[in-house]
Amino acid sequence: MGFKLIEVKLPTSYSDAELKDKISRVIKTNDFSFQIESKSLDARNKRQIHWLLRIGVYARGLAGSEPDHLPALEIPFKSRSKRIVIVGSGPAGFFAAFVLQKAGFETIILEQGSEVGKRVPGINAFEKTGFFDPLATYAFGEGGAGTFSDGKLTSRSKHISRERDFFLSTYIAAGAPDEIRYLAYPHVGSDNLRKVVVNLREQYRQMGGSIRFEMPLQDLVVNKGKVLEAITPAGPIAASLFVVAPGHSSYKTYRMLMDRGVNFRTKNFAIGFRAEHLQRDINQAQWGVADLPGVKAAEYRLTSQADSRHPVYSFCMCPGGMVVPAATGPDINIVNGMSNYRRDGRFANAGFVAGVHPDQLSGTRVTPSGALDWLEDLERSFYNYSQGFQAPFCRISDFINKTESEGIPETSYPLGLKPAVLREMVPVFVADALTEGLKDFIRRIKGYDRGILLGLESKTSSPIQVLREPDGKCTGFENLYLAGEGGGYAGGIVSSAADGIRIAMNIRNAG
């Protein structure tokens, strides 16, 4: 049996029969099997938008052989006596625990939020009443913040191919669509993610793993660089190793770690707002038509040099999605975006942010603790402005023109909007950079000025990063690891999971 890698173009609404016919005409036989290697939308010419597919074909008479692939991540089981406590059930924490349990360690996951079955109705109640429940938030709980997102599985991280392949195959086995393996911009959708994380939890438990929901890490008992116990509301838990994966929003955990001698440094991050438009306007701008058969909804990814000092860019674009209240506390008002697999909502939204450094925001060199204080004060100021969880908003045209917005537009945000002069709610240089970025975006996407800005969007990444060794161990500690976005070394579902997997493999290889 021979092999050939071919590339084909197909209309956006192609059928399986059309795909097979196209392959047959290229290789000149009807007797073949195939696998899609990659699939991307080519919309450069709006009159001829089409799919580009790269396909591996197997058939007699083909001269080639299948190319070599990286060896799969192997995790042979070996019974081990070490207990490992993992804090956080997001991608980094869960996959660290999953790999370690698979390798034969005894693992316990501590998660401060609820399991999905309780988290969903709790969030629904919050969106109807505005009453904040710390056990039912978009930030914390089973699967982490990613459970209620678009479920994008793209990553700019390099050298994570094996970890990425392991992650994707595990997700697919747990119910994620097979297309995430080959799409150029794969996504799972929040509706699918809620099922996937539950299936993964059951797999983990069947291997012997333990997960304790509504069980926050309150403190660590440390002696001369060695963690002895994790302190929880149910009492102390002793273990040989501790992997903390708190996500980018658990400031309380960051501060506790600092108090226990874990060293952090400040780093670049981003702040801004959510930009929301009618999805049909984005479709029209990107495709030249309001609907395109075979494609769910148009996306965009925009960057601008803006004022040449602070890059401005779109982040976590959610086609056909909604803007959600992502509060991490009862007096914090911030937003995020999510969408389901079908991406069939009326609105499109994306983070619209400017890259900054904590030192620039305060005008002086700040400590990691000071950076958290500054950002939390900003998040609290949006709550104070609305006296609740209404989202301060303005029209994009008013932000640029420095005018006040009149009337309340339609929005997907469930807790309502409150008019605000948003540019006065962030540092002047951030507002100026965002203004220049908006002007650039408007030149590139027709009708972009018809949207609104709402928010604060402040969770693109953490403003701090832990000092750690190449194996993920916190510098100065012999048995404490900090993983994922909470460590400042990842951004998004895939890179966070890969970081957790790598740390787990380093622990496994060390015995």
Protein backbone atom coordinates (compact mmCIF):
# COMPACT_ATOMS: atom_id res chain seq x y z
CA MET A 1 0.00 0.00 0.00
CA GLY A 2 1.48 3.33 -1.09
CA PHE A 3 0.97 6.80 0.28
CA LYS A 4 0.68 10.28 -1.19
CA LEU A 5 0.13 13.66 0.39
CA ILE A 6 -2.13 15.82 -1.78
CA GLU A 7 -3.63 19.28 -1.54
CA VAL A 8 -7.11 20.07 -2.85
CA LYS A 9 -9.45 23.05 -3.01
CA LEU A 10 -13.14 22.55 -2.35
CA PRO A 11 -16.18 24.82 -2.02
CA THR A 12 -17.15 25.77 1.52
CA SER A 13 -20.27 23.57 1.40
CA TYR A 14 -18.57 20.46 -0.03
CA SER A 15 -19.96 17.02 0.77
CA ASP A 16 -18.11 13.80 1.62
CA ALA A 17 -18.95 12.53 -1.88
CA GLU A 18 -17.38 15.62 -3.46
CA LEU A 19 -14.26 15.19 -1.33
CA LYS A 20 -13.86 11.54 -2.33
CA ASP A 21 -14.47 12.37 -5.97
CA LYS A 22 -11.80 15.06 -5.85
CA ILE A 23 -9.28 12.66 -4.30
CA SER A 24 -10.16 10.01 -6.87
CA ARG A 25 -9.52 12.37 -9.75
CA VAL A 26 -6.16 13.43 -8.31
CA ILE A 27 -4.79 9.91 -7.71
CA LYS A 28 -6.74 8.31 -10.60
CA THR A 29 -8.28 5.42 -8.67
CA ASN A 30 -11.45 4.79 -6.67
CA ASP A 31 -9.81 2.30 -4.32
CA PHE A 32 -8.21 4.31 -1.53
CA SER A 33 -8.43 5.40 2.08
CA PHE A 34 -7.52 8.82 3.37
CA GLN A 35 -7.04 11.05 6.36
CA ILE A 36 -7.37 14.83 6.49
CA GLU A 37 -4.10 16.31 7.75
CA SER A 38 -5.08 19.99 7.73
CA LYS A 39 -7.99 22.19 6.71
CA SER A 40 -8.10 25.97 6.47
CA LEU A 41 -10.39 28.57 4.96
CA ASP A 42 -8.98 30.74 2.16
CA ALA A 43 -10.99 33.97 2.11
CA ARG A 44 -8.43 36.21 0.43
CA ASN A 45 -10.64 36.50 -2.64
CA LYS A 46 -14.21 37.10 -1.46
CA ARG A 47 -15.57 35.90 -4.81
CA GLN A 48 -13.90 32.51 -4.47
CA ILE A 49 -13.82 31.60 -0.79
CA HIS A 50 -12.91 27.93 -0.42
CA TRP A 51 -11.42 25.29 1.84
CA LEU A 52 -7.80 24.23 1.43
CA LEU A 53 -7.28 20.63 2.50
CA ARG A 54 -4.10 18.64 2.90
CA ILE A 55 -4.90 14.93 2.69
CA GLY A 56 -2.88 11.78 3.26
CA VAL A 57 -4.06 9.13 0.78
CA TYR A 58 -3.36 5.38 0.93
CA ALA A 59 -3.78 3.28 -2.23
CA ARG A 60 -2.10 0.58 -4.26
CA GLY A 61 0.15 1.96 -6.93
CA LEU A 62 1.11 5.14 -5.10
CA ALA A 63 4.88 5.48 -5.03
CA GLY A 64 5.40 7.27 -1.74
CA SER A 65 5.53 6.10 1.86
CA GLU A 66 3.97 7.71 4.88
CA PRO A 67 6.23 10.41 6.38
CA ASP A 68 7.80 9.85 9.76
CA HIS A 69 5.91 11.23 12.73
CA LEU A 70 7.12 12.20 16.15
CA PRO A 71 6.82 9.23 18.51
CA ALA A 72 3.71 9.39 20.67
CA LEU A 73 4.01 10.40 24.30
CA GLU A 74 4.49 7.14 26.19
CA ILE A 75 3.39 6.91 29.82
CA PRO A 76 4.01 3.34 30.99
CA PHE A 77 2.45 2.46 34.34
CA LYS A 78 4.68 1.72 37.28
CA SER A 79 3.36 1.34 40.80
CA ARG A 80 4.81 4.16 42.92
CA SER A 81 4.52 5.09 46.57
CA LYS A 82 4.50 8.88 46.17
CA ARG A 83 1.37 10.93 46.73
CA ILE A 84 1.08 14.14 44.72
CA VAL A 85 -1.37 16.96 45.42
CA ILE A 86 -2.44 19.00 42.39
CA VAL A 87 -4.21 22.31 42.94
CA GLY A 88 -6.63 23.38 40.19
CA SER A 89 -8.63 21.35 37.68
CA GLY A 90 -8.04 23.56 34.63
CA PRO A 91 -6.05 22.23 31.66
CA ALA A 92 -2.65 22.52 33.39
CA GLY A 93 -3.70 20.99 36.68
CA PHE A 94 -5.95 18.29 35.27
CA PHE A 95 -3.47 17.06 32.65
CA ALA A 96 -0.63 17.08 35.17
CA ALA A 97 -2.77 14.87 37.44
CA PHE A 98 -4.00 12.72 34.53
CA VAL A 99 -0.45 11.94 33.36
CA LEU A 100 0.88 11.36 36.87
CA GLN A 101 -1.99 9.02 37.75
CA LYS A 102 -1.48 7.18 34.47
CA ALA A 103 2.20 6.80 35.38
CA GLY A 104 1.36 5.14 38.70
CA PHE A 105 1.44 7.94 41.27
CA GLU A 106 -1.32 8.55 43.80
CA THR A 107 -2.82 11.91 42.89
CA ILE A 108 -5.37 14.20 44.51
CA ILE A 109 -6.81 17.26 42.73
CA LEU A 110 -8.04 20.12 44.90
CA GLU A 111 -10.49 22.46 43.12
CA GLN A 112 -11.92 25.53 44.82
CA GLY A 113 -14.95 25.71 42.52
CA SER A 114 -17.78 23.31 41.80
CA GLU A 115 -18.12 20.44 39.37
CA VAL A 116 -19.79 21.26 36.07
CA GLY A 117 -23.15 19.83 37.15
CA LYS A 118 -23.40 22.47 39.90
CA ARG A 119 -21.41 25.17 38.15
CA VAL A 120 -23.81 25.56 35.20
CA PRO A 121 -27.02 26.23 37.19
CA GLY A 122 -25.07 28.46 39.56
CA ILE A 123 -23.80 30.60 36.69
CA ASN A 124 -27.28 30.71 35.16
CA ALA A 125 -28.64 31.98 38.46
CA PHE A 126 -25.90 34.64 38.66
CA GLU A 127 -26.76 35.90 35.18
CA LYS A 128 -30.43 36.18 36.08
CA THR A 129 -30.10 37.75 39.52
CA GLY A 130 -26.66 39.36 39.68
CA PHE A 131 -26.07 37.57 42.99
CA PHE A 132 -22.45 36.39 43.07
CA ASP A 133 -21.82 32.81 44.17
CA PRO A 134 -18.11 32.05 44.72
CA LEU A 135 -18.76 28.38 43.96
CA ALA A 136 -20.32 29.10 40.56
CA THR A 137 -18.13 31.45 38.53
CA TYR A 138 -16.72 31.62 35.03
CA ALA A 139 -13.19 31.71 36.48
CA PHE A 140 -13.10 28.76 38.87
CA GLY A 141 -14.48 25.24 38.89
CA GLU A 142 -14.20 22.02 36.93
CA GLY A 143 -12.12 22.54 33.81
CA GLY A 144 -11.09 26.03 34.84
CA ALA A 145 -12.01 29.22 32.98
CA GLY A 146 -11.67 27.36 29.67
CA THR A 147 -14.83 25.33 30.29
CA PHE A 148 -16.87 28.47 29.64
CA SER A 149 -15.06 29.84 26.61
CA ASP A 150 -15.01 29.25 22.88
CA GLY A 151 -12.70 26.32 23.54
CA LYS A 152 -10.04 27.51 21.11
CA LEU A 153 -7.22 25.02 20.71
CA THR A 154 -4.68 27.18 18.92
CA SER A 155 -1.32 27.95 20.48
CA ARG A 156 1.76 29.97 19.55
CA SER A 157 3.94 27.88 21.87
CA LYS A 158 6.78 26.08 20.11
CA HIS A 159 8.19 22.62 20.72
CA ILE A 160 5.02 21.14 22.25
CA SER A 161 4.04 18.82 19.39
CA ARG A 162 4.03 15.61 21.42
CA GLU A 163 2.17 17.18 24.31
CA ARG A 164 -0.32 18.78 21.91
CA ASP A 165 -0.97 15.46 20.13
CA PHE A 166 -1.51 13.72 23.48
CA PHE A 167 -3.88 16.45 24.60
CA LEU A 168 -5.91 16.41 21.37
CA SER A 169 -6.21 12.62 21.24
CA THR A 170 -7.32 12.60 24.89
CA TYR A 171 -9.92 15.29 24.20
CA ILE A 172 -11.25 13.46 21.13
CA ALA A 173 -11.53 10.22 23.10
CA ALA A 174 -13.54 12.16 25.69
CA GLY A 175 -16.04 13.42 23.12
CA ALA A 176 -14.48 16.43 21.41
CA PRO A 177 -15.06 16.58 17.63
CA ASP A 178 -12.43 14.78 15.56
CA GLU A 179 -11.90 17.90 13.44
CA ILE A 180 -9.83 19.52 16.19
CA ARG A 181 -7.04 17.25 15.00
CA TYR A 182 -6.70 18.97 11.62
CA LEU A 183 -8.50 22.33 11.55
CA ALA A 184 -6.19 25.33 11.26
CA TYR A 185 -8.17 27.11 13.97
CA PRO A 186 -9.87 24.36 15.98
CA HIS A 187 -12.42 25.00 18.69
CA VAL A 188 -14.54 22.75 20.87
CA GLY A 189 -17.28 25.11 22.03
CA SER A 190 -18.40 25.59 25.61
CA ASP A 191 -21.35 23.20 25.21
CA ASN A 192 -19.01 20.38 24.17
CA LEU A 193 -16.40 21.29 26.78
CA ARG A 194 -18.90 20.78 29.59
CA LYS A 195 -19.30 17.17 28.43
CA VAL A 196 -15.60 16.59 27.71
CA VAL A 197 -14.39 17.66 31.17
CA VAL A 198 -16.93 15.38 32.85
CA ASN A 199 -15.83 12.42 30.70
CA LEU A 200 -12.19 13.18 31.49
CA ARG A 201 -13.00 13.35 35.20
CA GLU A 202 -14.55 9.88 35.03
CA GLN A 203 -11.53 8.48 33.17
CA TYR A 204 -9.25 9.98 35.79
CA ARG A 205 -11.28 8.49 38.63
CA GLN A 206 -11.38 5.08 36.95
CA MET A 207 -7.57 5.14 36.98
CA GLY A 208 -7.71 5.71 40.76
CA GLY A 209 -7.36 9.48 40.85
CA SER A 210 -9.17 11.59 43.42
CA ILE A 211 -10.72 15.01 42.80
CA ARG A 212 -12.21 17.13 45.58
CA PHE A 213 -14.44 20.00 44.50
CA GLU A 214 -15.22 23.06 46.62
CA MET A 215 -11.91 22.43 48.36
CA PRO A 216 -9.66 25.50 48.14
CA LEU A 217 -5.98 25.49 48.99
CA GLN A 218 -5.78 27.79 52.00
CA ASP A 219 -2.10 27.51 52.84
CA LEU A 220 1.08 25.46 52.53
CA VAL A 221 3.22 24.23 55.39
CA VAL A 222 6.82 24.83 54.34
CA ASN A 223 10.06 23.91 56.07
CA LYS A 224 13.42 24.88 54.56
CA GLY A 225 12.24 24.85 50.96
CA LYS A 226 10.16 21.72 51.27
CA VAL A 227 6.36 21.70 51.30
CA LEU A 228 5.04 19.30 53.92
CA GLU A 229 1.29 19.77 53.78
CA ALA A 230 -1.52 21.50 51.93
CA ILE A 231 -3.97 23.17 54.27
CA THR A 232 -7.64 22.87 53.26
CA PRO A 233 -11.02 23.44 54.98
CA ALA A 234 -11.16 19.65 55.50
CA GLY A 235 -7.77 19.59 57.18
CA PRO A 236 -4.12 19.17 56.15
CA ILE A 237 -3.06 16.85 53.32
CA ALA A 238 0.51 15.55 53.39
CA ALA A 239 2.21 14.60 50.13
CA SER A 240 5.63 14.05 48.56
CA LEU A 241 5.09 16.61 45.79
CA PHE A 242 2.78 19.55 45.14
CA VAL A 243 1.77 20.94 41.73
CA VAL A 244 -0.13 24.25 41.90
CA ALA A 245 -2.04 25.29 38.77
CA PRO A 246 -4.29 28.14 39.93
CA GLY A 247 -5.06 29.77 36.58
CA HIS A 248 -4.59 33.47 35.87
CA SER A 249 -7.24 34.77 38.29
CA SER A 250 -6.46 33.29 41.69
CA TYR A 251 -4.79 36.30 43.29
CA LYS A 252 -5.42 34.93 46.76
CA THR A 253 -3.34 31.86 45.91
CA TYR A 254 -0.59 34.00 44.40
CA ARG A 255 -0.36 36.05 47.57
CA MET A 256 -0.28 32.99 49.79
CA LEU A 257 2.55 31.54 47.70
CA MET A 258 4.48 34.81 48.01
CA ASP A 259 4.00 34.70 51.78
CA ARG A 260 5.47 31.18 51.78
CA GLY A 261 8.62 32.31 49.97
CA VAL A 262 7.77 31.58 46.34
CA ASN A 263 9.48 34.17 44.15
CA PHE A 264 7.67 35.97 41.31
CA ARG A 265 8.60 38.70 38.87
CA THR A 266 6.41 41.11 36.93
CA LYS A 267 5.91 40.65 33.19
CA ASN A 268 4.04 42.12 30.24
CA PHE A 269 0.31 41.50 30.05
CA ALA A 270 -2.65 43.36 28.53
CA ILE A 271 -5.77 45.30 29.50
CA GLY A 272 -8.66 46.74 27.54
CA PHE A 273 -12.26 45.90 26.79
CA ARG A 274 -14.50 43.50 24.86
CA ALA A 275 -15.52 44.62 21.39
CA GLU A 276 -18.98 43.40 20.37
CA HIS A 277 -20.60 43.49 16.92
CA LEU A 278 -23.50 41.89 15.16
CA GLN A 279 -22.13 38.66 13.69
CA ARG A 280 -23.72 39.40 10.32
CA ASP A 281 -21.66 42.61 10.08
CA ILE A 282 -18.45 40.66 10.66
CA ASN A 283 -19.55 38.03 8.13
CA GLN A 284 -20.25 40.73 5.55
CA ALA A 285 -16.92 42.41 6.13
CA GLN A 286 -14.87 39.20 6.02
CA TRP A 287 -16.75 37.25 3.33
CA GLY A 288 -18.69 39.83 1.33
CA VAL A 289 -21.93 38.00 2.23
CA ALA A 290 -23.99 37.69 5.40
CA ASP A 291 -23.86 33.87 5.40
CA LEU A 292 -21.47 31.34 3.88
CA PRO A 293 -22.71 27.73 3.51
CA GLY A 294 -20.41 25.25 5.23
CA VAL A 295 -18.78 27.82 7.54
CA LYS A 296 -20.22 28.63 10.94
CA ALA A 297 -19.30 32.30 11.42
CA ALA A 298 -16.56 34.67 10.35
CA GLU A 299 -13.63 35.32 12.64
CA TYR A 300 -10.96 37.98 12.82
CA ARG A 301 -7.50 38.29 14.32
CA LEU A 302 -6.15 41.80 14.34
CA THR A 303 -2.95 43.40 15.55
CA SER A 304 -1.75 46.98 15.40
CA GLN A 305 1.40 48.79 16.40
CA ALA A 306 -0.88 51.61 17.52
CA ASP A 307 1.36 54.20 19.21
CA SER A 308 4.49 52.08 18.40
CA ARG A 309 5.08 51.44 22.11
CA HIS A 310 2.04 49.44 23.19
CA PRO A 311 0.83 46.76 20.78
CA VAL A 312 -2.93 46.56 20.40
CA TYR A 313 -4.58 43.32 19.38
CA SER A 314 -7.77 41.29 19.40
CA PHE A 315 -7.83 38.34 21.74
CA CYS A 316 -10.04 35.28 22.18
CA MET A 317 -12.49 36.13 19.41
CA CYS A 318 -15.83 34.38 19.96
CA PRO A 319 -17.88 34.21 16.73
CA GLY A 320 -21.59 33.81 17.29
CA GLY A 321 -20.96 34.01 21.01
CA MET A 322 -21.74 36.11 24.05
CA VAL A 323 -19.96 38.40 26.48
CA VAL A 324 -20.10 36.98 30.00
CA PRO A 325 -19.59 38.35 33.53
CA ALA A 326 -16.27 36.81 34.56
CA ALA A 327 -16.19 38.18 38.11
CA THR A 328 -13.70 36.52 40.44
CA GLY A 329 -15.14 38.12 43.57
CA PRO A 330 -18.28 39.86 44.86
CA ASP A 331 -16.87 43.34 44.13
CA ILE A 332 -14.99 42.64 40.88
CA ASN A 333 -16.58 43.55 37.53
CA ILE A 334 -14.78 42.10 34.50
CA VAL A 335 -15.92 40.42 31.30
CA ASN A 336 -14.87 37.57 29.03
CA GLY A 337 -16.26 35.84 25.97
CA MET A 338 -17.67 32.40 25.19
CA SER A 339 -19.42 30.60 22.36
CA ASN A 340 -20.89 27.18 21.70
CA TYR A 341 -19.74 24.75 19.03
CA ARG A 342 -22.27 25.88 16.41
CA ARG A 343 -21.30 29.54 16.85
CA ASP A 344 -24.81 30.50 15.79
CA GLY A 345 -25.51 33.42 18.11
CA ARG A 346 -26.39 36.89 16.77
CA PHE A 347 -23.28 38.57 18.17
CA ALA A 348 -19.53 38.39 17.75
CA ASN A 349 -17.11 39.52 20.45
CA ALA A 350 -13.38 39.65 21.04
CA GLY A 351 -11.00 40.98 23.61
CA PHE A 352 -9.58 44.34 22.48
CA VAL A 353 -6.47 45.04 24.51
CA ALA A 354 -3.18 46.92 24.70
CA GLY A 355 0.04 45.28 25.82
CA VAL A 356 1.53 46.91 28.91
CA HIS A 357 3.97 46.29 31.74
CA PRO A 358 3.00 46.82 35.38
CA ASP A 359 5.78 49.39 35.80
CA GLN A 360 4.22 51.54 33.06
CA LEU A 361 0.85 51.47 34.76
CA SER A 362 2.11 52.69 38.11
CA GLY A 363 4.81 55.00 36.79
CA THR A 364 7.43 53.32 38.95
CA ARG A 365 8.95 49.91 39.45
CA VAL A 366 6.44 47.70 41.21
CA THR A 367 6.67 44.44 43.07
CA PRO A 368 4.67 41.40 41.95
CA SER A 369 2.35 41.96 44.91
CA GLY A 370 1.99 45.61 43.91
CA ALA A 371 1.08 44.61 40.35
CA LEU A 372 -1.73 42.40 41.65
CA ASP A 373 -2.96 45.20 43.91
CA TRP A 374 -3.03 47.70 41.02
CA LEU A 375 -4.93 45.36 38.72
CA GLU A 376 -7.42 44.32 41.37
CA ASP A 377 -8.10 47.97 42.19
CA LEU A 378 -8.83 48.61 38.51
CA GLU A 379 -11.19 45.62 38.37
CA ARG A 380 -12.93 46.84 41.52
CA SER A 381 -13.34 50.35 40.08
CA PHE A 382 -15.56 48.97 37.29
CA TYR A 383 -17.78 47.34 39.93
CA ASN A 384 -17.90 50.59 41.90
CA TYR A 385 -18.88 52.53 38.80
CA SER A 386 -21.86 50.26 38.07
CA GLN A 387 -22.59 49.45 41.71
CA GLY A 388 -22.91 45.87 40.54
CA PHE A 389 -22.31 43.76 37.47
CA GLN A 390 -23.72 45.93 34.72
CA ALA A 391 -20.93 46.32 32.18
CA PRO A 392 -19.71 49.88 31.58
CA PHE A 393 -19.84 50.45 27.81
CA CYS A 394 -19.47 52.97 25.02
CA ARG A 395 -19.78 52.88 21.26
CA ILE A 396 -16.51 52.46 19.35
CA SER A 397 -17.14 55.71 17.46
CA ASP A 398 -17.63 57.56 20.75
CA PHE A 399 -14.43 56.10 22.21
CA ILE A 400 -12.47 57.48 19.26
CA ASN A 401 -14.28 60.83 19.18
CA LYS A 402 -14.14 61.28 22.96
CA THR A 403 -17.91 61.67 23.16
CA GLU A 404 -20.52 60.14 25.43
CA SER A 405 -22.74 57.35 24.15
CA GLU A 406 -26.50 57.75 24.14
CA GLY A 407 -29.02 54.95 24.49
CA ILE A 408 -28.45 51.29 25.31
CA PRO A 409 -27.72 49.06 22.29
CA GLU A 410 -28.55 45.40 21.91
CA THR A 411 -25.99 43.13 23.51
CA SER A 412 -25.38 39.51 24.41
CA TYR A 413 -24.18 40.51 27.88
CA PRO A 414 -26.78 39.12 30.32
CA LEU A 415 -26.54 41.63 33.19
CA GLY A 416 -27.08 44.82 31.24
CA LEU A 417 -24.99 47.79 30.14
CA LYS A 418 -24.28 51.14 31.75
CA PRO A 419 -23.04 54.08 29.63
CA ALA A 420 -19.53 55.18 30.57
CA VAL A 421 -16.66 57.24 29.25
CA LEU A 422 -14.45 54.16 29.09
CA ARG A 423 -11.32 56.00 28.04
CA GLU A 424 -11.38 57.77 31.42
CA MET A 425 -11.55 54.44 33.28
CA VAL A 426 -8.12 53.22 32.13
CA PRO A 427 -4.70 54.95 32.12
CA VAL A 428 -4.39 57.70 29.51
CA PHE A 429 -1.64 55.99 27.54
CA VAL A 430 -3.72 52.80 27.36
CA ALA A 431 -6.73 54.74 26.06
CA ASP A 432 -4.55 56.53 23.49
CA ALA A 433 -3.03 53.27 22.26
CA LEU A 434 -6.46 51.65 22.01
CA THR A 435 -7.74 54.65 20.05
CA GLU A 436 -4.98 54.29 17.46
CA GLY A 437 -5.58 50.55 17.33
CA LEU A 438 -9.29 51.09 16.72
CA LYS A 439 -8.59 53.44 13.84
CA ASP A 440 -6.36 50.76 12.32
CA PHE A 441 -8.97 48.03 12.82
CA ILE A 442 -11.66 50.19 11.21
CA ARG A 443 -9.49 50.62 8.13
CA ARG A 444 -9.16 46.84 7.85
CA ILE A 445 -12.69 45.65 8.70
CA LYS A 446 -15.51 47.61 7.14
CA GLY A 447 -18.13 48.51 9.71
CA TYR A 448 -15.93 47.82 12.74
CA ASP A 449 -16.84 51.28 14.05
CA ARG A 450 -20.47 50.17 14.41
CA GLY A 451 -19.61 48.00 17.39
CA ILE A 452 -19.43 48.73 21.10
CA LEU A 453 -16.76 48.36 23.75
CA LEU A 454 -17.66 46.96 27.15
CA GLY A 455 -15.78 45.67 30.06
CA LEU A 456 -13.02 45.59 31.63
CA GLU A 457 -11.05 42.84 29.88
CA SER A 458 -8.11 42.13 32.20
CA LYS A 459 -7.50 38.37 32.12
CA THR A 460 -5.59 37.87 28.88
CA SER A 461 -2.74 36.67 31.08
CA SER A 462 -1.28 37.21 34.52
CA PRO A 463 0.90 40.30 35.19
CA ILE A 464 3.34 38.14 37.14
CA GLN A 465 5.46 35.06 36.51
CA VAL A 466 6.97 32.60 38.96
CA LEU A 467 10.69 31.96 39.04
CA ARG A 468 11.09 28.29 38.28
CA GLU A 469 13.63 25.77 37.09
CA PRO A 470 13.56 24.06 33.66
CA ASP A 471 11.65 21.11 35.11
CA GLY A 472 8.90 23.43 36.40
CA LYS A 473 10.02 23.34 40.02
CA CYS A 474 9.75 26.66 41.87
CA THR A 475 13.20 28.13 42.40
CA GLY A 476 14.36 27.47 45.96
CA PHE A 477 11.90 24.61 46.54
CA GLU A 478 12.56 20.89 46.29
CA ASN A 479 9.01 19.62 45.81
CA LEU A 480 6.78 22.50 44.66
CA TYR A 481 5.80 23.11 41.03
CA LEU A 482 3.74 25.93 39.52
CA ALA A 483 2.05 25.17 36.21
CA GLY A 484 0.07 26.80 33.40
CA GLU A 485 -1.24 30.34 33.21
CA GLY A 486 -0.94 30.66 36.97
CA GLY A 487 2.80 30.29 36.66
CA GLY A 488 2.97 32.82 33.84
CA TYR A 489 4.33 30.31 31.33
CA ALA A 490 1.22 29.57 29.26
CA GLY A 491 -1.76 31.28 27.69
CA GLY A 492 -4.79 29.30 26.62
CA ILE A 493 -6.06 25.75 26.86
CA VAL A 494 -3.43 23.95 24.75
CA SER A 495 -0.30 25.64 26.08
CA SER A 496 -1.56 25.30 29.67
CA ALA A 497 -2.27 21.60 29.22
CA ALA A 498 1.14 21.13 27.57
CA ASP A 499 2.85 22.84 30.51
CA GLY A 500 1.07 20.54 32.96
CA ILE A 501 1.96 17.49 30.88
CA ARG A 502 5.63 18.47 30.71
CA ILE A 503 5.88 19.02 34.44
CA ALA A 504 4.22 15.64 35.03
CA MET A 505 6.63 13.92 32.65
CA ASN A 506 9.58 15.57 34.40
CA ILE A 507 8.29 14.25 37.73
CA ARG A 508 7.74 10.80 36.24
CA ASN A 509 11.24 10.69 34.71
CA ALA A 510 12.75 11.70 38.03
CA GLY A 511 11.06 8.70 39.65
